PDB file of N, CA and C in Angstrom:
ATOM      1  N   MET A   1       0.852  -1.169   0.000  1.00  0.00           N
ATOM      2  CA  MET A   1       0.000   0.000   0.000  1.00  0.00           C
ATOM      3  C   MET A   1       0.896   1.231   0.000  1.00  0.00           C
ATOM      4  N   LEU A   2       0.647   2.125  -0.939  1.00  0.00           N
ATOM      5  CA  LEU A   2       1.454   3.332  -1.072  1.00  0.00           C
ATOM      6  C   LEU A   2       0.611   4.536  -0.673  1.00  0.00           C
ATOM      7  N   ILE A   3       0.984   5.170   0.413  1.00  0.00           N
ATOM      8  CA  ILE A   3       0.247   6.318   0.932  1.00  0.00           C
ATOM      9  C   ILE A   3       1.152   7.531   0.827  1.00  0.00           C
ATOM     10  N   ARG A   4       0.620   8.567   0.198  1.00  0.00           N
ATOM     11  CA  ARG A   4       1.425   9.778  -0.014  1.00  0.00           C
ATOM     12  C   ARG A   4       0.694  11.010   0.477  1.00  0.00           C
ATOM     13  N   VAL A   5       1.473  11.965   0.957  1.00  0.00           N
ATOM     14  CA  VAL A   5       0.981  13.299   1.272  1.00  0.00           C
ATOM     15  C   VAL A   5       2.027  14.294   0.791  1.00  0.00           C
ATOM     16  N   ASP A   6       1.567  15.484   0.449  1.00  0.00           N
ATOM     17  CA  ASP A   6       2.461  16.540  -0.008  1.00  0.00           C
ATOM     18  C   ASP A   6       2.375  17.699   0.976  1.00  0.00           C
ATOM     19  N   PRO A   7       3.373  17.850   1.840  1.00  0.00           N
ATOM     20  CA  PRO A   7       3.341  18.926   2.832  1.00  0.00           C
ATOM     21  C   PRO A   7       3.243  20.316   2.208  1.00  0.00           C
ATOM     22  N   GLY A   8       3.646  20.472   0.961  1.00  0.00           N
ATOM     23  CA  GLY A   8       3.605  21.768   0.300  1.00  0.00           C
ATOM     24  C   GLY A   8       2.258  22.088  -0.330  1.00  0.00           C
ATOM     25  N   SER A   9       1.350  21.149  -0.334  1.00  0.00           N
ATOM     26  CA  SER A   9       0.041  21.347  -0.950  1.00  0.00           C
ATOM     27  C   SER A   9      -0.836  22.248  -0.084  1.00  0.00           C
ATOM     28  N   THR A  10      -1.783  22.919  -0.730  1.00  0.00           N
ATOM     29  CA  THR A  10      -2.732  23.749   0.004  1.00  0.00           C
ATOM     30  C   THR A  10      -3.833  22.901   0.634  1.00  0.00           C
ATOM     31  N   GLU A  11      -3.990  21.661   0.169  1.00  0.00           N
ATOM     32  CA  GLU A  11      -4.988  20.758   0.742  1.00  0.00           C
ATOM     33  C   GLU A  11      -4.475  20.267   2.097  1.00  0.00           C
ATOM     34  N   PRO A  12      -5.345  20.259   3.115  1.00  0.00           N
ATOM     35  CA  PRO A  12      -4.900  19.808   4.442  1.00  0.00           C
ATOM     36  C   PRO A  12      -4.345  18.380   4.401  1.00  0.00           C
ATOM     37  N   LEU A  13      -3.359  18.113   5.239  1.00  0.00           N
ATOM     38  CA  LEU A  13      -2.721  16.797   5.266  1.00  0.00           C
ATOM     39  C   LEU A  13      -3.717  15.682   5.579  1.00  0.00           C
ATOM     40  N   PHE A  14      -4.662  15.916   6.503  1.00  0.00           N
ATOM     41  CA  PHE A  14      -5.620  14.866   6.836  1.00  0.00           C
ATOM     42  C   PHE A  14      -6.479  14.515   5.635  1.00  0.00           C
ATOM     43  N   ALA A  15      -6.833  15.518   4.813  1.00  0.00           N
ATOM     44  CA  ALA A  15      -7.655  15.276   3.627  1.00  0.00           C
ATOM     45  C   ALA A  15      -6.849  14.513   2.576  1.00  0.00           C
ATOM     46  N   GLN A  16      -5.574  14.875   2.416  1.00  0.00           N
ATOM     47  CA  GLN A  16      -4.710  14.144   1.484  1.00  0.00           C
ATOM     48  C   GLN A  16      -4.573  12.687   1.914  1.00  0.00           C
ATOM     49  N   LEU A  17      -4.379  12.483   3.198  1.00  0.00           N
ATOM     50  CA  LEU A  17      -4.228  11.135   3.717  1.00  0.00           C
ATOM     51  C   LEU A  17      -5.514  10.331   3.530  1.00  0.00           C
ATOM     52  N   ALA A  18      -6.647  10.930   3.850  1.00  0.00           N
ATOM     53  CA  ALA A  18      -7.933  10.249   3.672  1.00  0.00           C
ATOM     54  C   ALA A  18      -8.156   9.912   2.200  1.00  0.00           C
ATOM     55  N   ASP A  19      -7.830  10.847   1.301  1.00  0.00           N
ATOM     56  CA  ASP A  19      -7.981  10.597  -0.143  1.00  0.00           C
ATOM     57  C   ASP A  19      -7.098   9.443  -0.600  1.00  0.00           C
ATOM     58  N   SER A  20      -5.871   9.409  -0.100  1.00  0.00           N
ATOM     59  CA  SER A  20      -4.935   8.354  -0.485  1.00  0.00           C
ATOM     60  C   SER A  20      -5.426   6.988   0.005  1.00  0.00           C
ATOM     61  N   LEU A  21      -5.876   6.925   1.239  1.00  0.00           N
ATOM     62  CA  LEU A  21      -6.388   5.675   1.790  1.00  0.00           C
ATOM     63  C   LEU A  21      -7.680   5.251   1.093  1.00  0.00           C
ATOM     64  N   ARG A  22      -8.545   6.225   0.830  1.00  0.00           N
ATOM     65  CA  ARG A  22      -9.805   5.953   0.117  1.00  0.00           C
ATOM     66  C   ARG A  22      -9.513   5.339  -1.246  1.00  0.00           C
ATOM     67  N   ALA A  23      -8.534   5.880  -1.934  1.00  0.00           N
ATOM     68  CA  ALA A  23      -8.169   5.370  -3.255  1.00  0.00           C
ATOM     69  C   ALA A  23      -7.656   3.941  -3.159  1.00  0.00           C
ATOM     70  N   GLU A  24      -6.878   3.626  -2.126  1.00  0.00           N
ATOM     71  CA  GLU A  24      -6.376   2.261  -1.936  1.00  0.00           C
ATOM     72  C   GLU A  24      -7.528   1.283  -1.736  1.00  0.00           C
ATOM     73  N   VAL A  25      -8.539   1.701  -0.999  1.00  0.00           N
ATOM     74  CA  VAL A  25      -9.707   0.851  -0.766  1.00  0.00           C
ATOM     75  C   VAL A  25     -10.490   0.665  -2.067  1.00  0.00           C
ATOM     76  N   LEU A  26     -10.715   1.749  -2.795  1.00  0.00           N
ATOM     77  CA  LEU A  26     -11.489   1.667  -4.032  1.00  0.00           C
ATOM     78  C   LEU A  26     -10.756   0.893  -5.116  1.00  0.00           C
ATOM     79  N   ARG A  27      -9.424   0.960  -5.125  1.00  0.00           N
ATOM     80  CA  ARG A  27      -8.634   0.193  -6.090  1.00  0.00           C
ATOM     81  C   ARG A  27      -8.607  -1.286  -5.737  1.00  0.00           C
ATOM     82  N   GLY A  28      -8.939  -1.582  -4.494  1.00  0.00           N
ATOM     83  CA  GLY A  28      -8.889  -2.976  -4.056  1.00  0.00           C
ATOM     84  C   GLY A  28      -7.547  -3.372  -3.481  1.00  0.00           C
ATOM     85  N   THR A  29      -6.635  -2.419  -3.368  1.00  0.00           N
ATOM     86  CA  THR A  29      -5.337  -2.705  -2.762  1.00  0.00           C
ATOM     87  C   THR A  29      -5.527  -3.033  -1.285  1.00  0.00           C
ATOM     88  N   ALA A  30      -6.420  -2.303  -0.635  1.00  0.00           N
ATOM     89  CA  ALA A  30      -6.799  -2.593   0.750  1.00  0.00           C
ATOM     90  C   ALA A  30      -8.178  -3.251   0.686  1.00  0.00           C
ATOM     91  N   LYS A  31      -8.244  -4.508   1.054  1.00  0.00           N
ATOM     92  CA  LYS A  31      -9.466  -5.305   0.933  1.00  0.00           C
ATOM     93  C   LYS A  31     -10.206  -5.394   2.263  1.00  0.00           C
ATOM     94  N   PRO A  32     -11.509  -5.691   2.221  1.00  0.00           N
ATOM     95  CA  PRO A  32     -12.256  -5.856   3.465  1.00  0.00           C
ATOM     96  C   PRO A  32     -11.557  -6.845   4.404  1.00  0.00           C
ATOM     97  N   GLY A  33     -11.443  -6.432   5.664  1.00  0.00           N
ATOM     98  CA  GLY A  33     -10.772  -7.244   6.670  1.00  0.00           C
ATOM     99  C   GLY A  33      -9.305  -6.884   6.857  1.00  0.00           C
ATOM    100  N   ASP A  34      -8.716  -6.189   5.884  1.00  0.00           N
ATOM    101  CA  ASP A  34      -7.308  -5.787   6.008  1.00  0.00           C
ATOM    102  C   ASP A  34      -7.157  -4.737   7.100  1.00  0.00           C
ATOM    103  N   ARG A  35      -6.069  -4.867   7.830  1.00  0.00           N
ATOM    104  CA  ARG A  35      -5.743  -3.870   8.844  1.00  0.00           C
ATOM    105  C   ARG A  35      -4.890  -2.788   8.210  1.00  0.00           C
ATOM    106  N   LEU A  36      -5.217  -1.560   8.499  1.00  0.00           N
ATOM    107  CA  LEU A  36      -4.399  -0.427   8.067  1.00  0.00           C
ATOM    108  C   LEU A  36      -3.301  -0.231   9.106  1.00  0.00           C
ATOM    109  N   PRO A  37      -2.246   0.479   8.733  1.00  0.00           N
ATOM    110  CA  PRO A  37      -1.192   0.753   9.729  1.00  0.00           C
ATOM    111  C   PRO A  37      -1.785   1.488  10.930  1.00  0.00           C
ATOM    112  N   THR A  38      -1.204   1.267  12.098  1.00  0.00           N
ATOM    113  CA  THR A  38      -1.673   2.006  13.267  1.00  0.00           C
ATOM    114  C   THR A  38      -1.430   3.496  13.018  1.00  0.00           C
ATOM    115  N   ALA A  39      -2.187   4.304  13.714  1.00  0.00           N
ATOM    116  CA  ALA A  39      -2.049   5.751  13.552  1.00  0.00           C
ATOM    117  C   ALA A  39      -0.623   6.194  13.892  1.00  0.00           C
ATOM    118  N   ARG A  40      -0.047   5.598  14.917  1.00  0.00           N
ATOM    119  CA  ARG A  40       1.320   5.954  15.310  1.00  0.00           C
ATOM    120  C   ARG A  40       2.321   5.566  14.236  1.00  0.00           C
ATOM    121  N   GLU A  41       2.178   4.365  13.692  1.00  0.00           N
ATOM    122  CA  GLU A  41       3.091   3.912  12.637  1.00  0.00           C
ATOM    123  C   GLU A  41       2.998   4.811  11.413  1.00  0.00           C
ATOM    124  N   LEU A  42       1.774   5.107  11.021  1.00  0.00           N
ATOM    125  CA  LEU A  42       1.571   5.924   9.825  1.00  0.00           C
ATOM    126  C   LEU A  42       2.090   7.343  10.037  1.00  0.00           C
ATOM    127  N   ALA A  43       1.817   7.901  11.198  1.00  0.00           N
ATOM    128  CA  ALA A  43       2.316   9.249  11.503  1.00  0.00           C
ATOM    129  C   ALA A  43       3.838   9.279  11.462  1.00  0.00           C
ATOM    130  N   ALA A  44       4.460   8.259  12.033  1.00  0.00           N
ATOM    131  CA  ALA A  44       5.928   8.209  12.056  1.00  0.00           C
ATOM    132  C   ALA A  44       6.493   8.036  10.651  1.00  0.00           C
ATOM    133  N   SER A  45       5.889   7.157   9.853  1.00  0.00           N
ATOM    134  CA  SER A  45       6.442   6.904   8.516  1.00  0.00           C
ATOM    135  C   SER A  45       6.250   8.089   7.577  1.00  0.00           C
ATOM    136  N   LEU A  46       5.162   8.840   7.763  1.00  0.00           N
ATOM    137  CA  LEU A  46       4.914  10.010   6.911  1.00  0.00           C
ATOM    138  C   LEU A  46       5.463  11.300   7.521  1.00  0.00           C
ATOM    139  N   GLU A  47       5.961  11.187   8.752  1.00  0.00           N
ATOM    140  CA  GLU A  47       6.485  12.349   9.481  1.00  0.00           C
ATOM    141  C   GLU A  47       5.438  13.443   9.612  1.00  0.00           C
ATOM    142  N   ILE A  48       4.247  13.022  10.064  1.00  0.00           N
ATOM    143  CA  ILE A  48       3.153  13.966  10.313  1.00  0.00           C
ATOM    144  C   ILE A  48       2.627  13.723  11.725  1.00  0.00           C
ATOM    145  N   ASN A  49       1.784  14.618  12.186  1.00  0.00           N
ATOM    146  CA  ASN A  49       1.237  14.545  13.534  1.00  0.00           C
ATOM    147  C   ASN A  49       0.258  13.383  13.662  1.00  0.00           C
ATOM    148  N   LEU A  50       0.284  12.716  14.805  1.00  0.00           N
ATOM    149  CA  LEU A  50      -0.611  11.603  15.091  1.00  0.00           C
ATOM    150  C   LEU A  50      -2.073  12.010  14.944  1.00  0.00           C
ATOM    151  N   HIS A  51      -2.420  13.209  15.379  1.00  0.00           N
ATOM    152  CA  HIS A  51      -3.807  13.668  15.317  1.00  0.00           C
ATOM    153  C   HIS A  51      -4.272  13.874  13.875  1.00  0.00           C
ATOM    154  N   THR A  52      -3.353  14.170  12.986  1.00  0.00           N
ATOM    155  CA  THR A  52      -3.673  14.292  11.563  1.00  0.00           C
ATOM    156  C   THR A  52      -4.132  12.942  11.023  1.00  0.00           C
ATOM    157  N   VAL A  53      -3.416  11.885  11.382  1.00  0.00           N
ATOM    158  CA  VAL A  53      -3.775  10.535  10.954  1.00  0.00           C
ATOM    159  C   VAL A  53      -5.112  10.141  11.567  1.00  0.00           C
ATOM    160  N   LEU A  54      -5.287  10.417  12.852  1.00  0.00           N
ATOM    161  CA  LEU A  54      -6.539  10.065  13.516  1.00  0.00           C
ATOM    162  C   LEU A  54      -7.730  10.777  12.880  1.00  0.00           C
ATOM    163  N   ARG A  55      -7.543  12.022  12.472  1.00  0.00           N
ATOM    164  CA  ARG A  55      -8.634  12.758  11.826  1.00  0.00           C
ATOM    165  C   ARG A  55      -8.979  12.130  10.476  1.00  0.00           C
ATOM    166  N   ALA A  56      -7.972  11.710   9.718  1.00  0.00           N
ATOM    167  CA  ALA A  56      -8.216  11.039   8.439  1.00  0.00           C
ATOM    168  C   ALA A  56      -8.949   9.722   8.672  1.00  0.00           C
ATOM    169  N   TYR A  57      -8.512   8.954   9.662  1.00  0.00           N
ATOM    170  CA  TYR A  57      -9.162   7.682   9.983  1.00  0.00           C
ATOM    171  C   TYR A  57     -10.615   7.912  10.413  1.00  0.00           C
ATOM    172  N   GLN A  58     -10.855   8.951  11.190  1.00  0.00           N
ATOM    173  CA  GLN A  58     -12.222   9.240  11.632  1.00  0.00           C
ATOM    174  C   GLN A  58     -13.121   9.602  10.444  1.00  0.00           C
ATOM    175  N   GLU A  59     -12.565  10.328   9.488  1.00  0.00           N
ATOM    176  CA  GLU A  59     -13.330  10.687   8.292  1.00  0.00           C
ATOM    177  C   GLU A  59     -13.719   9.424   7.516  1.00  0.00           C
ATOM    178  N   LEU A  60     -12.778   8.511   7.363  1.00  0.00           N
ATOM    179  CA  LEU A  60     -13.051   7.258   6.650  1.00  0.00           C
ATOM    180  C   LEU A  60     -14.029   6.387   7.433  1.00  0.00           C
ATOM    181  N   ARG A  61     -13.944   6.434   8.753  1.00  0.00           N
ATOM    182  CA  ARG A  61     -14.907   5.705   9.582  1.00  0.00           C
ATOM    183  C   ARG A  61     -16.310   6.274   9.387  1.00  0.00           C
ATOM    184  N   ASP A  62     -16.417   7.597   9.373  1.00  0.00           N
ATOM    185  CA  ASP A  62     -17.713   8.240   9.191  1.00  0.00           C
ATOM    186  C   ASP A  62     -18.320   7.931   7.825  1.00  0.00           C
ATOM    187  N   GLU A  63     -17.463   7.683   6.821  1.00  0.00           N
ATOM    188  CA  GLU A  63     -17.926   7.312   5.486  1.00  0.00           C
ATOM    189  C   GLU A  63     -18.298   5.832   5.401  1.00  0.00           C
ATOM    190  N   GLY A  64     -17.941   5.069   6.423  1.00  0.00           N
ATOM    191  CA  GLY A  64     -18.243   3.655   6.432  1.00  0.00           C
ATOM    192  C   GLY A  64     -17.220   2.778   5.739  1.00  0.00           C
ATOM    193  N   LEU A  65     -16.063   3.335   5.400  1.00  0.00           N
ATOM    194  CA  LEU A  65     -15.032   2.550   4.717  1.00  0.00           C
ATOM    195  C   LEU A  65     -14.168   1.737   5.669  1.00  0.00           C
ATOM    196  N   ILE A  66     -13.958   2.267   6.871  1.00  0.00           N
ATOM    197  CA  ILE A  66     -13.146   1.531   7.839  1.00  0.00           C
ATOM    198  C   ILE A  66     -13.878   1.472   9.173  1.00  0.00           C
ATOM    199  N   GLU A  67     -13.424   0.551   9.986  1.00  0.00           N
ATOM    200  CA  GLU A  67     -13.922   0.426  11.350  1.00  0.00           C
ATOM    201  C   GLU A  67     -12.726   0.615  12.268  1.00  0.00           C
ATOM    202  N   LEU A  68     -12.909   1.423  13.297  1.00  0.00           N
ATOM    203  CA  LEU A  68     -11.840   1.638  14.262  1.00  0.00           C
ATOM    204  C   LEU A  68     -12.123   0.746  15.463  1.00  0.00           C
ATOM    205  N   ARG A  69     -11.217  -0.203  15.724  1.00  0.00           N
ATOM    206  CA  ARG A  69     -11.396  -1.165  16.809  1.00  0.00           C
ATOM    207  C   ARG A  69     -10.316  -0.964  17.861  1.00  0.00           C
ATOM    208  N   ARG A  70     -10.759  -0.852  19.085  1.00  0.00           N
ATOM    209  CA  ARG A  70      -9.810  -0.688  20.191  1.00  0.00           C
ATOM    210  C   ARG A  70      -8.917  -1.925  20.255  1.00  0.00           C
ATOM    211  N   GLY A  71      -7.630  -1.697  20.228  1.00  0.00           N
ATOM    212  CA  GLY A  71      -6.683  -2.789  20.304  1.00  0.00           C
ATOM    213  C   GLY A  71      -6.345  -3.436  18.967  1.00  0.00           C
ATOM    214  N   ARG A  72      -7.187  -3.214  17.938  1.00  0.00           N
ATOM    215  CA  ARG A  72      -6.918  -3.800  16.619  1.00  0.00           C
ATOM    216  C   ARG A  72      -6.615  -2.738  15.576  1.00  0.00           C
ATOM    217  N   GLY A  73      -6.921  -1.496  15.893  1.00  0.00           N
ATOM    218  CA  GLY A  73      -6.651  -0.423  14.948  1.00  0.00           C
ATOM    219  C   GLY A  73      -7.739  -0.267  13.914  1.00  0.00           C
ATOM    220  N   ALA A  74      -7.352   0.228  12.750  1.00  0.00           N
ATOM    221  CA  ALA A  74      -8.274   0.499  11.657  1.00  0.00           C
ATOM    222  C   ALA A  74      -8.354  -0.720  10.739  1.00  0.00           C
ATOM    223  N   VAL A  75      -9.580  -1.147  10.460  1.00  0.00           N
ATOM    224  CA  VAL A  75      -9.810  -2.323   9.620  1.00  0.00           C
ATOM    225  C   VAL A  75     -10.763  -1.932   8.500  1.00  0.00           C
ATOM    226  N   VAL A  76     -10.447  -2.333   7.268  1.00  0.00           N
ATOM    227  CA  VAL A  76     -11.305  -2.044   6.121  1.00  0.00           C
ATOM    228  C   VAL A  76     -12.595  -2.845   6.279  1.00  0.00           C
ATOM    229  N   ARG A  77     -13.737  -2.177   6.145  1.00  0.00           N
ATOM    230  CA  ARG A  77     -15.045  -2.809   6.331  1.00  0.00           C
ATOM    231  C   ARG A  77     -15.496  -3.548   5.080  1.00  0.00           C
ATOM    232  N   ASP A  78     -16.386  -4.502   5.271  1.00  0.00           N
ATOM    233  CA  ASP A  78     -16.986  -5.236   4.159  1.00  0.00           C
ATOM    234  C   ASP A  78     -17.735  -4.295   3.222  1.00  0.00           C
ATOM    235  N   ALA A  79     -18.291  -3.222   3.765  1.00  0.00           N
ATOM    236  CA  ALA A  79     -19.035  -2.258   2.954  1.00  0.00           C
ATOM    237  C   ALA A  79     -18.138  -1.615   1.898  1.00  0.00           C
ATOM    238  N   ALA A  80     -16.831  -1.637   2.122  1.00  0.00           N
ATOM    239  CA  ALA A  80     -15.892  -1.053   1.152  1.00  0.00           C
ATOM    240  C   ALA A  80     -15.934  -1.821  -0.154  1.00  0.00           C
ATOM    241  N   ARG A  81     -16.277  -3.101  -0.100  1.00  0.00           N
ATOM    242  CA  ARG A  81     -16.368  -3.922  -1.310  1.00  0.00           C
ATOM    243  C   ARG A  81     -17.423  -3.343  -2.269  1.00  0.00           C
ATOM    244  N   ASP A  82     -18.538  -2.874  -1.702  1.00  0.00           N
ATOM    245  CA  ASP A  82     -19.608  -2.318  -2.521  1.00  0.00           C
ATOM    246  C   ASP A  82     -19.165  -1.055  -3.240  1.00  0.00           C
ATOM    247  N   THR A  83     -18.368  -0.231  -2.575  1.00  0.00           N
ATOM    248  CA  THR A  83     -17.902   0.993  -3.216  1.00  0.00           C
ATOM    249  C   THR A  83     -16.895   0.682  -4.308  1.00  0.00           C
ATOM    250  N   GLY A  84     -16.230  -0.449  -4.190  1.00  0.00           N
ATOM    251  CA  GLY A  84     -15.278  -0.855  -5.221  1.00  0.00           C
ATOM    252  C   GLY A  84     -15.953  -1.076  -6.556  1.00  0.00           C
ATOM    253  N   ALA A  85     -17.232  -1.448  -6.538  1.00  0.00           N
ATOM    254  CA  ALA A  85     -17.972  -1.652  -7.781  1.00  0.00           C
ATOM    255  C   ALA A  85     -18.133  -0.345  -8.558  1.00  0.00           C
ATOM    256  N   LEU A  86     -18.051   0.758  -7.862  1.00  0.00           N
ATOM    257  CA  LEU A  86     -18.168   2.064  -8.517  1.00  0.00           C
ATOM    258  C   LEU A  86     -16.974   2.376  -9.410  1.00  0.00           C
ATOM    259  N   ARG A  87     -15.861   1.720  -9.130  1.00  0.00           N
ATOM    260  CA  ARG A  87     -14.622   2.031  -9.854  1.00  0.00           C
ATOM    261  C   ARG A  87     -14.791   1.938 -11.363  1.00  0.00           C
ATOM    262  N   GLY A  88     -15.403   0.872 -11.831  1.00  0.00           N
ATOM    263  CA  GLY A  88     -15.620   0.714 -13.270  1.00  0.00           C
ATOM    264  C   GLY A  88     -16.522   1.788 -13.829  1.00  0.00           C
ATOM    265  N   ASP A  89     -17.576   2.113 -13.088  1.00  0.00           N
ATOM    266  CA  ASP A  89     -18.495   3.166 -13.522  1.00  0.00           C
ATOM    267  C   ASP A  89     -17.788   4.517 -13.597  1.00  0.00           C
ATOM    268  N   ILE A  90     -16.951   4.774 -12.610  1.00  0.00           N
ATOM    269  CA  ILE A  90     -16.224   6.045 -12.587  1.00  0.00           C
ATOM    270  C   ILE A  90     -15.235   6.117 -13.744  1.00  0.00           C
ATOM    271  N   ALA A  91     -14.538   5.017 -13.993  1.00  0.00           N
ATOM    272  CA  ALA A  91     -13.595   4.984 -15.117  1.00  0.00           C
ATOM    273  C   ALA A  91     -14.318   5.242 -16.431  1.00  0.00           C
ATOM    274  N   HIS A  92     -15.497   4.658 -16.583  1.00  0.00           N
ATOM    275  CA  HIS A  92     -16.287   4.871 -17.798  1.00  0.00           C
ATOM    276  C   HIS A  92     -16.722   6.337 -17.896  1.00  0.00           C
ATOM    277  N   LEU A  93     -17.170   6.909 -16.794  1.00  0.00           N
ATOM    278  CA  LEU A  93     -17.598   8.307 -16.776  1.00  0.00           C
ATOM    279  C   LEU A  93     -16.448   9.242 -17.150  1.00  0.00           C
ATOM    280  N   VAL A  94     -15.271   8.995 -16.586  1.00  0.00           N
ATOM    281  CA  VAL A  94     -14.108   9.839 -16.885  1.00  0.00           C
ATOM    282  C   VAL A  94     -13.707   9.696 -18.350  1.00  0.00           C
ATOM    283  N   ALA A  95     -13.728   8.473 -18.865  1.00  0.00           N
ATOM    284  CA  ALA A  95     -13.384   8.249 -20.277  1.00  0.00           C
ATOM    285  C   ALA A  95     -14.356   8.987 -21.188  1.00  0.00           C
ATOM    286  N   GLU A  96     -15.623   8.931 -20.853  1.00  0.00           N
ATOM    287  CA  GLU A  96     -16.641   9.618 -21.661  1.00  0.00           C
ATOM    288  C   GLU A  96     -16.464  11.136 -21.582  1.00  0.00           C
ATOM    289  N   ALA A  97     -16.160  11.640 -20.392  1.00  0.00           N
ATOM    290  CA  ALA A  97     -15.929  13.083 -20.230  1.00  0.00           C
ATOM    291  C   ALA A  97     -14.723  13.527 -21.055  1.00  0.00           C
ATOM    292  N   ARG A  98     -13.673  12.724 -21.048  1.00  0.00           N
ATOM    293  CA  ARG A  98     -12.497  13.052 -21.867  1.00  0.00           C
ATOM    294  C   ARG A  98     -12.845  13.055 -23.349  1.00  0.00           C
ATOM    295  N   ARG A  99     -13.611  12.052 -23.771  1.00  0.00           N
ATOM    296  CA  ARG A  99     -14.002  11.958 -25.181  1.00  0.00           C
ATOM    297  C   ARG A  99     -14.787  13.203 -25.606  1.00  0.00           C
ATOM    298  N   LEU A 100     -15.605  13.719 -24.706  1.00  0.00           N
ATOM    299  CA  LEU A 100     -16.418  14.899 -25.007  1.00  0.00           C
ATOM    300  C   LEU A 100     -15.678  16.211 -24.771  1.00  0.00           C
ATOM    301  N   GLY A 101     -14.470  16.125 -24.222  1.00  0.00           N
ATOM    302  CA  GLY A 101     -13.686  17.331 -23.965  1.00  0.00           C
ATOM    303  C   GLY A 101     -14.124  18.092 -22.728  1.00  0.00           C
ATOM    304  N   VAL A 102     -14.757  17.416 -21.789  1.00  0.00           N
ATOM    305  CA  VAL A 102     -15.209  18.056 -20.555  1.00  0.00           C
ATOM    306  C   VAL A 102     -14.015  18.191 -19.608  1.00  0.00           C
ATOM    307  N   ALA A 103     -13.802  19.402 -19.132  1.00  0.00           N
ATOM    308  CA  ALA A 103     -12.693  19.668 -18.210  1.00  0.00           C
ATOM    309  C   ALA A 103     -12.944  18.978 -16.865  1.00  0.00           C
ATOM    310  N   PRO A 104     -11.879  18.554 -16.177  1.00  0.00           N
ATOM    311  CA  PRO A 104     -12.051  17.887 -14.881  1.00  0.00           C
ATOM    312  C   PRO A 104     -12.890  18.685 -13.882  1.00  0.00           C
ATOM    313  N   ASN A 105     -12.656  19.983 -13.796  1.00  0.00           N
ATOM    314  CA  ASN A 105     -13.426  20.799 -12.850  1.00  0.00           C
ATOM    315  C   ASN A 105     -14.902  20.852 -13.217  1.00  0.00           C
ATOM    316  N   THR A 106     -15.200  20.824 -14.502  1.00  0.00           N
ATOM    317  CA  THR A 106     -16.592  20.813 -14.947  1.00  0.00           C
ATOM    318  C   THR A 106     -17.247  19.490 -14.569  1.00  0.00           C
ATOM    319  N   LEU A 107     -16.535  18.397 -14.781  1.00  0.00           N
ATOM    320  CA  LEU A 107     -17.061  17.082 -14.409  1.00  0.00           C
ATOM    321  C   LEU A 107     -17.336  17.023 -12.907  1.00  0.00           C
ATOM    322  N   ILE A 108     -16.406  17.531 -12.127  1.00  0.00           N
ATOM    323  CA  ILE A 108     -16.582  17.541 -10.670  1.00  0.00           C
ATOM    324  C   ILE A 108     -17.802  18.372 -10.293  1.00  0.00           C
ATOM    325  N   ALA A 109     -17.971  19.519 -10.929  1.00  0.00           N
ATOM    326  CA  ALA A 109     -19.133  20.372 -10.653  1.00  0.00           C
ATOM    327  C   ALA A 109     -20.428  19.655 -11.007  1.00  0.00           C
ATOM    328  N   LEU A 110     -20.439  18.926 -12.119  1.00  0.00           N
ATOM    329  CA  LEU A 110     -21.634  18.175 -12.513  1.00  0.00           C
ATOM    330  C   LEU A 110     -21.959  17.080 -11.497  1.00  0.00           C
ATOM    331  N   ILE A 111     -20.933  16.407 -11.014  1.00  0.00           N
ATOM    332  CA  ILE A 111     -21.145  15.373 -10.008  1.00  0.00           C
ATOM    333  C   ILE A 111     -21.677  15.986  -8.718  1.00  0.00           C
ATOM    334  N   ARG A 112     -21.129  17.107  -8.314  1.00  0.00           N
ATOM    335  CA  ARG A 112     -21.588  17.770  -7.099  1.00  0.00           C
ATOM    336  C   ARG A 112     -23.046  18.211  -7.211  1.00  0.00           C
ATOM    337  N   GLN A 113     -23.475  18.594  -8.405  1.00  0.00           N
ATOM    338  CA  GLN A 113     -24.878  18.961  -8.606  1.00  0.00           C
ATOM    339  C   GLN A 113     -25.778  17.763  -8.369  1.00  0.00           C
ATOM    340  N   GLU A 114     -25.347  16.618  -8.839  1.00  0.00           N
ATOM    341  CA  GLU A 114     -26.154  15.398  -8.706  1.00  0.00           C
ATOM    342  C   GLU A 114     -26.083  14.792  -7.301  1.00  0.00           C
ATOM    343  N   TYR A 115     -24.984  15.068  -6.594  1.00  0.00           N
ATOM    344  CA  TYR A 115     -24.761  14.450  -5.295  1.00  0.00           C
ATOM    345  C   TYR A 115     -24.355  15.514  -4.283  1.00  0.00           C
ATOM    346  N   PRO A 116     -25.294  16.397  -3.938  1.00  0.00           N
ATOM    347  CA  PRO A 116     -24.931  17.482  -3.007  1.00  0.00           C
ATOM    348  C   PRO A 116     -24.607  16.938  -1.613  1.00  0.00           C
ATOM    349  N   SER A 117     -23.772  17.673  -0.899  1.00  0.00           N
ATOM    350  CA  SER A 117     -23.358  17.253   0.456  1.00  0.00           C
ATOM    351  C   SER A 117     -24.500  17.268   1.426  1.00  0.00           C
TER     352      SER A 117
END
């Protein structure tokens, strides 16, 4: 599993970390039942604050992608398998948007219209 953050980015580190982990789950690199690195291990390896990792993990927990278990750490949930099915649909959508010349920001705006927060 390859997790990256860019300290120079304007995007908060916790959001970058959550995005990176989310992508690993959606790609199937992290499968249901897999344990993610402990927050301490991940913070140390990325040289970021422990609370930054915990905030990213909490965001993924709130989305239903991981379960936080006392003594076992973060575990990818079975529900993550269902979101993995979206990967093909998303790839098709992006390919179609490229074929039509739709800019990435426009595609994102269209998705946000259909799926408001």
